[in-house]
Amino acid sequence: MTEQEDGPLLRPYTLTRGRTRPSGPEFDLMTVIRTAPAAYSGISGLAPEHWRILQLCRIPVSVADLASELGLSLNVVRILLSDLRDQGLISARPQATVAQLPEERILREVIQGLQAL
């Protein structure tokens, strides 16, 4: 196996500086990440992987999609995202949930009200 055939051989602990857990709350697979406005103000000192995440998150993207696009494990991506979150460079929000449907009784009353018109 050579670097040219399989891409760069970089161990995950190198990317995370030996950390195995993200700081703060964990990111769910479907958490939607977006680059925060603060990231556009000349931030320096970030690793190339952090910069790549910021570029990919210019449009909202899920954690699972980020890991796939970066070719990194979910845990490594979560740790890198926690670095960016700690610096205020990304925003994270849970995936949109389906609104709970109203009770059947309420729906029947609405239908009856419409029919009465």
PDB file of N, CA and C in Angstrom:
ATOM      1  N   MET A   1       0.857  -1.172   0.000  1.00  0.00           N
ATOM      2  CA  MET A   1       0.000   0.000   0.000  1.00  0.00           C
ATOM      3  C   MET A   1       0.904   1.236   0.000  1.00  0.00           C
ATOM      4  N   THR A   2       0.671   2.100  -0.933  1.00  0.00           N
ATOM      5  CA  THR A   2       1.454   3.329  -1.007  1.00  0.00           C
ATOM      6  C   THR A   2       0.528   4.528  -0.895  1.00  0.00           C
ATOM      7  N   GLU A   3       1.085   5.657  -0.555  1.00  0.00           N
ATOM      8  CA  GLU A   3       0.308   6.891  -0.441  1.00  0.00           C
ATOM      9  C   GLU A   3      -0.327   7.268  -1.760  1.00  0.00           C
ATOM     10  N   GLN A   4       0.372   7.031  -2.846  1.00  0.00           N
ATOM     11  CA  GLN A   4      -0.144   7.401  -4.159  1.00  0.00           C
ATOM     12  C   GLN A   4      -1.351   6.550  -4.542  1.00  0.00           C
ATOM     13  N   GLU A   5      -1.360   5.275  -4.145  1.00  0.00           N
ATOM     14  CA  GLU A   5      -2.463   4.384  -4.479  1.00  0.00           C
ATOM     15  C   GLU A   5      -3.678   4.608  -3.597  1.00  0.00           C
ATOM     16  N   ASP A   6      -3.461   4.807  -2.324  1.00  0.00           N
ATOM     17  CA  ASP A   6      -4.553   4.867  -1.365  1.00  0.00           C
ATOM     18  C   ASP A   6      -4.766   6.227  -0.722  1.00  0.00           C
ATOM     19  N   GLY A   7      -4.104   7.242  -1.173  1.00  0.00           N
ATOM     20  CA  GLY A   7      -4.238   8.562  -0.564  1.00  0.00           C
ATOM     21  C   GLY A   7      -3.326   8.688   0.628  1.00  0.00           C
ATOM     22  N   PRO A   8      -3.349   9.846   1.284  1.00  0.00           N
ATOM     23  CA  PRO A   8      -2.443  10.053   2.407  1.00  0.00           C
ATOM     24  C   PRO A   8      -2.754   9.120   3.570  1.00  0.00           C
ATOM     25  N   LEU A   9      -1.704   8.614   4.189  1.00  0.00           N
ATOM     26  CA  LEU A   9      -1.857   7.731   5.331  1.00  0.00           C
ATOM     27  C   LEU A   9      -1.675   8.547   6.609  1.00  0.00           C
ATOM     28  N   LEU A  10      -2.762   9.036   7.138  1.00  0.00           N
ATOM     29  CA  LEU A  10      -2.713   9.870   8.325  1.00  0.00           C
ATOM     30  C   LEU A  10      -3.625   9.254   9.379  1.00  0.00           C
ATOM     31  N   ARG A  11      -3.078   8.922  10.489  1.00  0.00           N
ATOM     32  CA  ARG A  11      -3.862   8.275  11.531  1.00  0.00           C
ATOM     33  C   ARG A  11      -4.842   9.261  12.151  1.00  0.00           C
ATOM     34  N   PRO A  12      -6.049   8.745  12.487  1.00  0.00           N
ATOM     35  CA  PRO A  12      -7.073   9.636  13.060  1.00  0.00           C
ATOM     36  C   PRO A  12      -6.617  10.389  14.312  1.00  0.00           C
ATOM     37  N   TYR A  13      -5.837   9.744  15.187  1.00  0.00           N
ATOM     38  CA  TYR A  13      -5.424  10.436  16.403  1.00  0.00           C
ATOM     39  C   TYR A  13      -4.511  11.610  16.111  1.00  0.00           C
ATOM     40  N   THR A  14      -3.884  11.620  14.950  1.00  0.00           N
ATOM     41  CA  THR A  14      -3.059  12.758  14.557  1.00  0.00           C
ATOM     42  C   THR A  14      -3.954  13.957  14.257  1.00  0.00           C
ATOM     43  N   LEU A  15      -5.063  13.699  13.562  1.00  0.00           N
ATOM     44  CA  LEU A  15      -5.998  14.779  13.228  1.00  0.00           C
ATOM     45  C   LEU A  15      -6.659  15.366  14.466  1.00  0.00           C
ATOM     46  N   THR A  16      -6.887  14.521  15.462  1.00  0.00           N
ATOM     47  CA  THR A  16      -7.603  14.971  16.662  1.00  0.00           C
ATOM     48  C   THR A  16      -6.659  15.302  17.816  1.00  0.00           C
ATOM     49  N   ARG A  17      -5.363  15.272  17.555  1.00  0.00           N
ATOM     50  CA  ARG A  17      -4.341  15.533  18.574  1.00  0.00           C
ATOM     51  C   ARG A  17      -4.510  14.609  19.785  1.00  0.00           C
ATOM     52  N   GLY A  18      -4.839  13.344  19.504  1.00  0.00           N
ATOM     53  CA  GLY A  18      -4.938  12.338  20.557  1.00  0.00           C
ATOM     54  C   GLY A  18      -6.270  12.286  21.276  1.00  0.00           C
ATOM     55  N   ARG A  19      -7.170  13.179  20.954  1.00  0.00           N
ATOM     56  CA  ARG A  19      -8.466  13.184  21.646  1.00  0.00           C
ATOM     57  C   ARG A  19      -9.381  12.101  21.085  1.00  0.00           C
ATOM     58  N   THR A  20     -10.195  11.529  21.942  1.00  0.00           N
ATOM     59  CA  THR A  20     -11.125  10.488  21.506  1.00  0.00           C
ATOM     60  C   THR A  20     -12.578  10.899  21.656  1.00  0.00           C
ATOM     61  N   ARG A  21     -12.817  12.050  22.275  1.00  0.00           N
ATOM     62  CA  ARG A  21     -14.187  12.540  22.453  1.00  0.00           C
ATOM     63  C   ARG A  21     -14.252  14.023  22.145  1.00  0.00           C
ATOM     64  N   PRO A  22     -15.380  14.448  21.559  1.00  0.00           N
ATOM     65  CA  PRO A  22     -15.544  15.884  21.317  1.00  0.00           C
ATOM     66  C   PRO A  22     -15.804  16.619  22.622  1.00  0.00           C
ATOM     67  N   SER A  23     -15.462  17.893  22.647  1.00  0.00           N
ATOM     68  CA  SER A  23     -15.804  18.700  23.816  1.00  0.00           C
ATOM     69  C   SER A  23     -17.262  19.136  23.674  1.00  0.00           C
ATOM     70  N   GLY A  24     -17.925  19.275  24.775  1.00  0.00           N
ATOM     71  CA  GLY A  24     -19.319  19.711  24.732  1.00  0.00           C
ATOM     72  C   GLY A  24     -20.248  18.598  24.283  1.00  0.00           C
ATOM     73  N   PRO A  25     -21.496  18.980  23.990  1.00  0.00           N
ATOM     74  CA  PRO A  25     -22.474  17.972  23.577  1.00  0.00           C
ATOM     75  C   PRO A  25     -22.066  17.304  22.261  1.00  0.00           C
ATOM     76  N   GLU A  26     -22.400  16.027  22.143  1.00  0.00           N
ATOM     77  CA  GLU A  26     -22.063  15.285  20.918  1.00  0.00           C
ATOM     78  C   GLU A  26     -22.936  15.728  19.757  1.00  0.00           C
ATOM     79  N   PHE A  27     -22.426  15.536  18.579  1.00  0.00           N
ATOM     80  CA  PHE A  27     -23.164  15.820  17.361  1.00  0.00           C
ATOM     81  C   PHE A  27     -23.859  14.544  16.902  1.00  0.00           C
ATOM     82  N   ASP A  28     -25.158  14.608  16.707  1.00  0.00           N
ATOM     83  CA  ASP A  28     -25.923  13.503  16.167  1.00  0.00           C
ATOM     84  C   ASP A  28     -25.579  13.339  14.687  1.00  0.00           C
ATOM     85  N   LEU A  29     -25.813  12.175  14.129  1.00  0.00           N
ATOM     86  CA  LEU A  29     -25.542  11.952  12.707  1.00  0.00           C
ATOM     87  C   LEU A  29     -26.249  12.952  11.810  1.00  0.00           C
ATOM     88  N   MET A  30     -27.459  13.331  12.192  1.00  0.00           N
ATOM     89  CA  MET A  30     -28.266  14.197  11.340  1.00  0.00           C
ATOM     90  C   MET A  30     -28.234  15.661  11.776  1.00  0.00           C
ATOM     91  N   THR A  31     -27.378  16.006  12.727  1.00  0.00           N
ATOM     92  CA  THR A  31     -27.218  17.400  13.104  1.00  0.00           C
ATOM     93  C   THR A  31     -26.770  18.187  11.875  1.00  0.00           C
ATOM     94  N   VAL A  32     -27.401  19.327  11.657  1.00  0.00           N
ATOM     95  CA  VAL A  32     -27.080  20.146  10.482  1.00  0.00           C
ATOM     96  C   VAL A  32     -26.059  21.207  10.886  1.00  0.00           C
ATOM     97  N   ILE A  33     -24.960  21.256  10.147  1.00  0.00           N
ATOM     98  CA  ILE A  33     -23.850  22.166  10.440  1.00  0.00           C
ATOM     99  C   ILE A  33     -23.806  23.246   9.367  1.00  0.00           C
ATOM    100  N   ARG A  34     -23.513  24.461   9.801  1.00  0.00           N
ATOM    101  CA  ARG A  34     -23.346  25.570   8.857  1.00  0.00           C
ATOM    102  C   ARG A  34     -22.212  26.465   9.358  1.00  0.00           C
ATOM    103  N   THR A  35     -21.442  26.972   8.419  1.00  0.00           N
ATOM    104  CA  THR A  35     -20.364  27.892   8.777  1.00  0.00           C
ATOM    105  C   THR A  35     -20.969  29.167   9.339  1.00  0.00           C
ATOM    106  N   ALA A  36     -20.459  29.612  10.488  1.00  0.00           N
ATOM    107  CA  ALA A  36     -20.943  30.836  11.128  1.00  0.00           C
ATOM    108  C   ALA A  36     -20.301  32.058  10.478  1.00  0.00           C
ATOM    109  N   PRO A  37     -20.973  33.209  10.538  1.00  0.00           N
ATOM    110  CA  PRO A  37     -20.397  34.434   9.958  1.00  0.00           C
ATOM    111  C   PRO A  37     -19.003  34.762  10.495  1.00  0.00           C
ATOM    112  N   ALA A  38     -18.722  34.388  11.738  1.00  0.00           N
ATOM    113  CA  ALA A  38     -17.403  34.680  12.342  1.00  0.00           C
ATOM    114  C   ALA A  38     -16.267  33.999  11.588  1.00  0.00           C
ATOM    115  N   ALA A  39     -16.569  32.929  10.864  1.00  0.00           N
ATOM    116  CA  ALA A  39     -15.532  32.183  10.157  1.00  0.00           C
ATOM    117  C   ALA A  39     -14.986  32.941   8.957  1.00  0.00           C
ATOM    118  N   TYR A  40     -15.681  33.989   8.539  1.00  0.00           N
ATOM    119  CA  TYR A  40     -15.251  34.737   7.358  1.00  0.00           C
ATOM    120  C   TYR A  40     -14.367  35.926   7.711  1.00  0.00           C
ATOM    121  N   SER A  41     -13.980  36.041   8.970  1.00  0.00           N
ATOM    122  CA  SER A  41     -13.219  37.216   9.390  1.00  0.00           C
ATOM    123  C   SER A  41     -11.749  36.902   9.658  1.00  0.00           C
ATOM    124  N   GLY A  42     -11.086  36.308   8.692  1.00  0.00           N
ATOM    125  CA  GLY A  42      -9.636  36.133   8.750  1.00  0.00           C
ATOM    126  C   GLY A  42      -9.132  35.290   9.890  1.00  0.00           C
ATOM    127  N   ILE A  43      -9.744  34.181  10.166  1.00  0.00           N
ATOM    128  CA  ILE A  43      -9.275  33.275  11.214  1.00  0.00           C
ATOM    129  C   ILE A  43      -8.019  32.564  10.706  1.00  0.00           C
ATOM    130  N   SER A  44      -7.025  32.440  11.572  1.00  0.00           N
ATOM    131  CA  SER A  44      -5.809  31.726  11.180  1.00  0.00           C
ATOM    132  C   SER A  44      -5.491  30.665  12.219  1.00  0.00           C
ATOM    133  N   GLY A  45      -4.560  29.795  11.881  1.00  0.00           N
ATOM    134  CA  GLY A  45      -4.129  28.772  12.826  1.00  0.00           C
ATOM    135  C   GLY A  45      -4.968  27.510  12.809  1.00  0.00           C
ATOM    136  N   LEU A  46      -5.831  27.363  11.809  1.00  0.00           N
ATOM    137  CA  LEU A  46      -6.646  26.159  11.729  1.00  0.00           C
ATOM    138  C   LEU A  46      -5.943  25.103  10.874  1.00  0.00           C
ATOM    139  N   ALA A  47      -6.203  23.846  11.202  1.00  0.00           N
ATOM    140  CA  ALA A  47      -5.667  22.738  10.415  1.00  0.00           C
ATOM    141  C   ALA A  47      -6.404  22.676   9.077  1.00  0.00           C
ATOM    142  N   PRO A  48      -5.791  22.074   8.074  1.00  0.00           N
ATOM    143  CA  PRO A  48      -6.442  21.969   6.758  1.00  0.00           C
ATOM    144  C   PRO A  48      -7.812  21.285   6.824  1.00  0.00           C
ATOM    145  N   GLU A  49      -7.956  20.307   7.718  1.00  0.00           N
ATOM    146  CA  GLU A  49      -9.240  19.613   7.851  1.00  0.00           C
ATOM    147  C   GLU A  49     -10.322  20.555   8.363  1.00  0.00           C
ATOM    148  N   HIS A  50      -9.958  21.444   9.274  1.00  0.00           N
ATOM    149  CA  HIS A  50     -10.909  22.443   9.769  1.00  0.00           C
ATOM    150  C   HIS A  50     -11.341  23.376   8.633  1.00  0.00           C
ATOM    151  N   TRP A  51     -10.382  23.820   7.837  1.00  0.00           N
ATOM    152  CA  TRP A  51     -10.703  24.706   6.712  1.00  0.00           C
ATOM    153  C   TRP A  51     -11.630  24.014   5.727  1.00  0.00           C
ATOM    154  N   ARG A  52     -11.369  22.740   5.482  1.00  0.00           N
ATOM    155  CA  ARG A  52     -12.199  21.975   4.540  1.00  0.00           C
ATOM    156  C   ARG A  52     -13.634  21.879   5.059  1.00  0.00           C
ATOM    157  N   ILE A  53     -13.779  21.641   6.353  1.00  0.00           N
ATOM    158  CA  ILE A  53     -15.120  21.585   6.946  1.00  0.00           C
ATOM    159  C   ILE A  53     -15.825  22.924   6.775  1.00  0.00           C
ATOM    160  N   LEU A  54     -15.124  24.015   7.046  1.00  0.00           N
ATOM    161  CA  LEU A  54     -15.736  25.345   6.899  1.00  0.00           C
ATOM    162  C   LEU A  54     -16.174  25.593   5.459  1.00  0.00           C
ATOM    163  N   GLN A  55     -15.388  25.137   4.506  1.00  0.00           N
ATOM    164  CA  GLN A  55     -15.765  25.304   3.093  1.00  0.00           C
ATOM    165  C   GLN A  55     -17.010  24.483   2.759  1.00  0.00           C
ATOM    166  N   LEU A  56     -17.044  23.240   3.229  1.00  0.00           N
ATOM    167  CA  LEU A  56     -18.180  22.369   2.930  1.00  0.00           C
ATOM    168  C   LEU A  56     -19.474  22.848   3.597  1.00  0.00           C
ATOM    169  N   CYS A  57     -19.333  23.530   4.731  1.00  0.00           N
ATOM    170  CA  CYS A  57     -20.510  23.941   5.503  1.00  0.00           C
ATOM    171  C   CYS A  57     -21.014  25.335   5.135  1.00  0.00           C
ATOM    172  N   ARG A  58     -20.565  25.868   4.028  1.00  0.00           N
ATOM    173  CA  ARG A  58     -21.114  27.151   3.581  1.00  0.00           C
ATOM    174  C   ARG A  58     -22.594  27.011   3.280  1.00  0.00           C
ATOM    175  N   ILE A  59     -22.990  25.813   2.879  1.00  0.00           N
ATOM    176  CA  ILE A  59     -24.413  25.476   2.797  1.00  0.00           C
ATOM    177  C   ILE A  59     -24.656  24.428   3.884  1.00  0.00           C
ATOM    178  N   PRO A  60     -25.823  24.408   4.500  1.00  0.00           N
ATOM    179  CA  PRO A  60     -26.061  23.458   5.592  1.00  0.00           C
ATOM    180  C   PRO A  60     -25.835  22.009   5.146  1.00  0.00           C
ATOM    181  N   VAL A  61     -25.148  21.256   5.990  1.00  0.00           N
ATOM    182  CA  VAL A  61     -24.831  19.855   5.681  1.00  0.00           C
ATOM    183  C   VAL A  61     -24.869  19.046   6.970  1.00  0.00           C
ATOM    184  N   SER A  62     -25.293  17.789   6.871  1.00  0.00           N
ATOM    185  CA  SER A  62     -25.370  16.937   8.059  1.00  0.00           C
ATOM    186  C   SER A  62     -23.986  16.395   8.420  1.00  0.00           C
ATOM    187  N   VAL A  63     -23.859  15.980   9.665  1.00  0.00           N
ATOM    188  CA  VAL A  63     -22.597  15.412  10.142  1.00  0.00           C
ATOM    189  C   VAL A  63     -22.258  14.155   9.339  1.00  0.00           C
ATOM    190  N   ALA A  64     -23.250  13.325   9.062  1.00  0.00           N
ATOM    191  CA  ALA A  64     -23.013  12.100   8.287  1.00  0.00           C
ATOM    192  C   ALA A  64     -22.495  12.431   6.887  1.00  0.00           C
ATOM    193  N   ASP A  65     -23.083  13.435   6.243  1.00  0.00           N
ATOM    194  CA  ASP A  65     -22.630  13.824   4.909  1.00  0.00           C
ATOM    195  C   ASP A  65     -21.212  14.396   4.940  1.00  0.00           C
ATOM    196  N   LEU A  66     -20.904  15.136   5.994  1.00  0.00           N
ATOM    197  CA  LEU A  66     -19.544  15.676   6.135  1.00  0.00           C
ATOM    198  C   LEU A  66     -18.518  14.552   6.234  1.00  0.00           C
ATOM    199  N   ALA A  67     -18.812  13.567   7.077  1.00  0.00           N
ATOM    200  CA  ALA A  67     -17.875  12.457   7.255  1.00  0.00           C
ATOM    201  C   ALA A  67     -17.667  11.731   5.932  1.00  0.00           C
ATOM    202  N   SER A  68     -18.732  11.548   5.193  1.00  0.00           N
ATOM    203  CA  SER A  68     -18.634  10.887   3.893  1.00  0.00           C
ATOM    204  C   SER A  68     -17.800  11.713   2.920  1.00  0.00           C
ATOM    205  N   GLU A  69     -18.064  12.998   2.855  1.00  0.00           N
ATOM    206  CA  GLU A  69     -17.350  13.877   1.926  1.00  0.00           C
ATOM    207  C   GLU A  69     -15.862  13.981   2.278  1.00  0.00           C
ATOM    208  N   LEU A  70     -15.561  14.000   3.570  1.00  0.00           N
ATOM    209  CA  LEU A  70     -14.171  14.134   4.013  1.00  0.00           C
ATOM    210  C   LEU A  70     -13.420  12.802   3.996  1.00  0.00           C
ATOM    211  N   GLY A  71     -14.158  11.700   3.971  1.00  0.00           N
ATOM    212  CA  GLY A  71     -13.513  10.394   4.018  1.00  0.00           C
ATOM    213  C   GLY A  71     -12.919  10.087   5.377  1.00  0.00           C
ATOM    214  N   LEU A  72     -13.522  10.650   6.427  1.00  0.00           N
ATOM    215  CA  LEU A  72     -13.036  10.451   7.793  1.00  0.00           C
ATOM    216  C   LEU A  72     -14.105   9.735   8.613  1.00  0.00           C
ATOM    217  N   SER A  73     -13.690   9.125   9.711  1.00  0.00           N
ATOM    218  CA  SER A  73     -14.660   8.467  10.583  1.00  0.00           C
ATOM    219  C   SER A  73     -15.557   9.506  11.254  1.00  0.00           C
ATOM    220  N   LEU A  74     -16.740   9.067  11.648  1.00  0.00           N
ATOM    221  CA  LEU A  74     -17.676   9.976  12.311  1.00  0.00           C
ATOM    222  C   LEU A  74     -17.075  10.564  13.579  1.00  0.00           C
ATOM    223  N   ASN A  75     -16.377   9.753  14.348  1.00  0.00           N
ATOM    224  CA  ASN A  75     -15.817  10.249  15.600  1.00  0.00           C
ATOM    225  C   ASN A  75     -14.792  11.354  15.349  1.00  0.00           C
ATOM    226  N   VAL A  76     -13.937  11.190  14.350  1.00  0.00           N
ATOM    227  CA  VAL A  76     -12.945  12.211  14.031  1.00  0.00           C
ATOM    228  C   VAL A  76     -13.649  13.498  13.595  1.00  0.00           C
ATOM    229  N   VAL A  77     -14.674  13.370  12.757  1.00  0.00           N
ATOM    230  CA  VAL A  77     -15.416  14.552  12.303  1.00  0.00           C
ATOM    231  C   VAL A  77     -16.091  15.241  13.474  1.00  0.00           C
ATOM    232  N   ARG A  78     -16.651  14.488  14.386  1.00  0.00           N
ATOM    233  CA  ARG A  78     -17.298  15.086  15.565  1.00  0.00           C
ATOM    234  C   ARG A  78     -16.289  15.878  16.408  1.00  0.00           C
ATOM    235  N   ILE A  79     -15.091  15.343  16.550  1.00  0.00           N
ATOM    236  CA  ILE A  79     -14.054  16.036  17.328  1.00  0.00           C
ATOM    237  C   ILE A  79     -13.632  17.327  16.619  1.00  0.00           C
ATOM    238  N   LEU A  80     -13.433  17.243  15.300  1.00  0.00           N
ATOM    239  CA  LEU A  80     -13.057  18.445  14.543  1.00  0.00           C
ATOM    240  C   LEU A  80     -14.183  19.485  14.593  1.00  0.00           C
ATOM    241  N   LEU A  81     -15.426  19.032  14.523  1.00  0.00           N
ATOM    242  CA  LEU A  81     -16.558  19.963  14.625  1.00  0.00           C
ATOM    243  C   LEU A  81     -16.615  20.616  15.998  1.00  0.00           C
ATOM    244  N   SER A  82     -16.289  19.855  17.032  1.00  0.00           N
ATOM    245  CA  SER A  82     -16.308  20.455  18.376  1.00  0.00           C
ATOM    246  C   SER A  82     -15.245  21.544  18.500  1.00  0.00           C
ATOM    247  N   ASP A  83     -14.102  21.354  17.835  1.00  0.00           N
ATOM    248  CA  ASP A  83     -13.073  22.405  17.817  1.00  0.00           C
ATOM    249  C   ASP A  83     -13.639  23.684  17.207  1.00  0.00           C
ATOM    250  N   LEU A  84     -14.310  23.529  16.070  1.00  0.00           N
ATOM    251  CA  LEU A  84     -14.870  24.697  15.370  1.00  0.00           C
ATOM    252  C   LEU A  84     -16.015  25.323  16.163  1.00  0.00           C
ATOM    253  N   ARG A  85     -16.823  24.493  16.814  1.00  0.00           N
ATOM    254  CA  ARG A  85     -17.919  25.012  17.632  1.00  0.00           C
ATOM    255  C   ARG A  85     -17.367  25.802  18.822  1.00  0.00           C
ATOM    256  N   ASP A  86     -16.307  25.290  19.442  1.00  0.00           N
ATOM    257  CA  ASP A  86     -15.696  25.970  20.590  1.00  0.00           C
ATOM    258  C   ASP A  86     -15.172  27.355  20.202  1.00  0.00           C
ATOM    259  N   GLN A  87     -14.772  27.520  18.946  1.00  0.00           N
ATOM    260  CA  GLN A  87     -14.259  28.805  18.468  1.00  0.00           C
ATOM    261  C   GLN A  87     -15.352  29.686  17.863  1.00  0.00           C
ATOM    262  N   GLY A  88     -16.590  29.183  17.853  1.00  0.00           N
ATOM    263  CA  GLY A  88     -17.701  29.955  17.310  1.00  0.00           C
ATOM    264  C   GLY A  88     -17.691  30.060  15.792  1.00  0.00           C
ATOM    265  N   LEU A  89     -17.051  29.091  15.116  1.00  0.00           N
ATOM    266  CA  LEU A  89     -16.923  29.155  13.669  1.00  0.00           C
ATOM    267  C   LEU A  89     -18.003  28.386  12.912  1.00  0.00           C
ATOM    268  N   ILE A  90     -18.786  27.579  13.633  1.00  0.00           N
ATOM    269  CA  ILE A  90     -19.897  26.871  13.012  1.00  0.00           C
ATOM    270  C   ILE A  90     -21.128  26.993  13.904  1.00  0.00           C
ATOM    271  N   SER A  91     -22.273  26.793  13.298  1.00  0.00           N
ATOM    272  CA  SER A  91     -23.501  26.660  14.083  1.00  0.00           C
ATOM    273  C   SER A  91     -24.041  25.269  13.820  1.00  0.00           C
ATOM    274  N   ALA A  92     -24.651  24.688  14.824  1.00  0.00           N
ATOM    275  CA  ALA A  92     -25.202  23.341  14.716  1.00  0.00           C
ATOM    276  C   ALA A  92     -26.638  23.373  15.201  1.00  0.00           C
ATOM    277  N   ARG A  93     -27.496  22.701  14.447  1.00  0.00           N
ATOM    278  CA  ARG A  93     -28.886  22.597  14.873  1.00  0.00           C
ATOM    279  C   ARG A  93     -29.364  21.186  14.588  1.00  0.00           C
ATOM    280  N   PRO A  94     -30.290  20.698  15.419  1.00  0.00           N
ATOM    281  CA  PRO A  94     -30.811  19.356  15.147  1.00  0.00           C
ATOM    282  C   PRO A  94     -31.583  19.344  13.841  1.00  0.00           C
ATOM    283  N   GLN A  95     -31.681  18.172  13.241  1.00  0.00           N
ATOM    284  CA  GLN A  95     -32.434  18.081  12.001  1.00  0.00           C
ATOM    285  C   GLN A  95     -33.883  18.480  12.245  1.00  0.00           C
ATOM    286  N   ALA A  96     -34.517  18.976  11.221  1.00  0.00           N
ATOM    287  CA  ALA A  96     -35.918  19.364  11.332  1.00  0.00           C
ATOM    288  C   ALA A  96     -36.751  18.126  11.623  1.00  0.00           C
ATOM    289  N   THR A  97     -37.672  18.280  12.555  1.00  0.00           N
ATOM    290  CA  THR A  97     -38.543  17.164  12.908  1.00  0.00           C
ATOM    291  C   THR A  97     -39.913  17.368  12.296  1.00  0.00           C
ATOM    292  N   VAL A  98     -40.574  16.278  12.081  1.00  0.00           N
ATOM    293  CA  VAL A  98     -41.921  16.340  11.545  1.00  0.00           C
ATOM    294  C   VAL A  98     -42.841  16.809  12.665  1.00  0.00           C
ATOM    295  N   ALA A  99     -43.633  17.818  12.356  1.00  0.00           N
ATOM    296  CA  ALA A  99     -44.551  18.337  13.370  1.00  0.00           C
ATOM    297  C   ALA A  99     -45.530  17.252  13.774  1.00  0.00           C
ATOM    298  N   GLN A 100     -45.866  17.255  15.053  1.00  0.00           N
ATOM    299  CA  GLN A 100     -46.817  16.274  15.549  1.00  0.00           C
ATOM    300  C   GLN A 100     -48.194  16.609  14.983  1.00  0.00           C
ATOM    301  N   LEU A 101     -48.858  15.591  14.484  1.00  0.00           N
ATOM    302  CA  LEU A 101     -50.183  15.790  13.905  1.00  0.00           C
ATOM    303  C   LEU A 101     -51.191  16.092  15.008  1.00  0.00           C
ATOM    304  N   PRO A 102     -52.186  16.926  14.700  1.00  0.00           N
ATOM    305  CA  PRO A 102     -53.212  17.201  15.709  1.00  0.00           C
ATOM    306  C   PRO A 102     -54.047  15.949  15.974  1.00  0.00           C
ATOM    307  N   GLU A 103     -54.733  15.985  17.077  1.00  0.00           N
ATOM    308  CA  GLU A 103     -55.580  14.852  17.443  1.00  0.00           C
ATOM    309  C   GLU A 103     -56.678  14.667  16.405  1.00  0.00           C
ATOM    310  N   GLU A 104     -57.142  13.438  16.283  1.00  0.00           N
ATOM    311  CA  GLU A 104     -58.192  13.114  15.320  1.00  0.00           C
ATOM    312  C   GLU A 104     -59.453  13.934  15.588  1.00  0.00           C
ATOM    313  N   ARG A 105     -59.765  14.135  16.860  1.00  0.00           N
ATOM    314  CA  ARG A 105     -60.954  14.909  17.246  1.00  0.00           C
ATOM    315  C   ARG A 105     -60.909  16.315  16.643  1.00  0.00           C
ATOM    316  N   ILE A 106     -59.747  16.952  16.701  1.00  0.00           N
ATOM    317  CA  ILE A 106     -59.607  18.316  16.176  1.00  0.00           C
ATOM    318  C   ILE A 106     -59.778  18.317  14.660  1.00  0.00           C
ATOM    319  N   LEU A 107     -59.207  17.330  14.007  1.00  0.00           N
ATOM    320  CA  LEU A 107     -59.350  17.246  12.552  1.00  0.00           C
ATOM    321  C   LEU A 107     -60.814  17.060  12.145  1.00  0.00           C
ATOM    322  N   ARG A 108     -61.535  16.239  12.886  1.00  0.00           N
ATOM    323  CA  ARG A 108     -62.966  16.034  12.588  1.00  0.00           C
ATOM    324  C   ARG A 108     -63.752  17.337  12.771  1.00  0.00           C
ATOM    325  N   GLU A 109     -63.412  18.088  13.805  1.00  0.00           N
ATOM    326  CA  GLU A 109     -64.112  19.371  14.039  1.00  0.00           C
ATOM    327  C   GLU A 109     -63.824  20.354  12.915  1.00  0.00           C
ATOM    328  N   VAL A 110     -62.602  20.373  12.424  1.00  0.00           N
ATOM    329  CA  VAL A 110     -62.246  21.268  11.311  1.00  0.00           C
ATOM    330  C   VAL A 110     -63.027  20.862  10.059  1.00  0.00           C
ATOM    331  N   ILE A 111     -63.086  19.566   9.791  1.00  0.00           N
ATOM    332  CA  ILE A 111     -63.816  19.092   8.612  1.00  0.00           C
ATOM    333  C   ILE A 111     -65.298  19.452   8.732  1.00  0.00           C
ATOM    334  N   GLN A 112     -65.868  19.246   9.904  1.00  0.00           N
ATOM    335  CA  GLN A 112     -67.286  19.574  10.115  1.00  0.00           C
ATOM    336  C   GLN A 112     -67.518  21.083   9.943  1.00  0.00           C
ATOM    337  N   GLY A 113     -66.583  21.891  10.445  1.00  0.00           N
ATOM    338  CA  GLY A 113     -66.700  23.333  10.307  1.00  0.00           C
ATOM    339  C   GLY A 113     -66.632  23.754   8.842  1.00  0.00           C
ATOM    340  N   LEU A 114     -65.736  23.147   8.082  1.00  0.00           N
ATOM    341  CA  LEU A 114     -65.639  23.459   6.655  1.00  0.00           C
ATOM    342  C   LEU A 114     -66.883  23.016   5.882  1.00  0.00           C
ATOM    343  N   GLN A 115     -67.406  21.870   6.249  1.00  0.00           N
ATOM    344  CA  GLN A 115     -68.616  21.399   5.580  1.00  0.00           C
ATOM    345  C   GLN A 115     -69.816  22.291   5.896  1.00  0.00           C
ATOM    346  N   ALA A 116     -69.814  22.891   7.071  1.00  0.00           N
ATOM    347  CA  ALA A 116     -70.917  23.768   7.463  1.00  0.00           C
ATOM    348  C   ALA A 116     -70.906  25.078   6.672  1.00  0.00           C
ATOM    349  N   LEU A 117     -69.773  25.425   6.085  1.00  0.00           N
ATOM    350  CA  LEU A 117     -69.689  26.651   5.285  1.00  0.00           C
ATOM    351  C   LEU A 117     -70.436  26.435   4.038  1.00  0.00           C
TER     352      LEU A 117
END
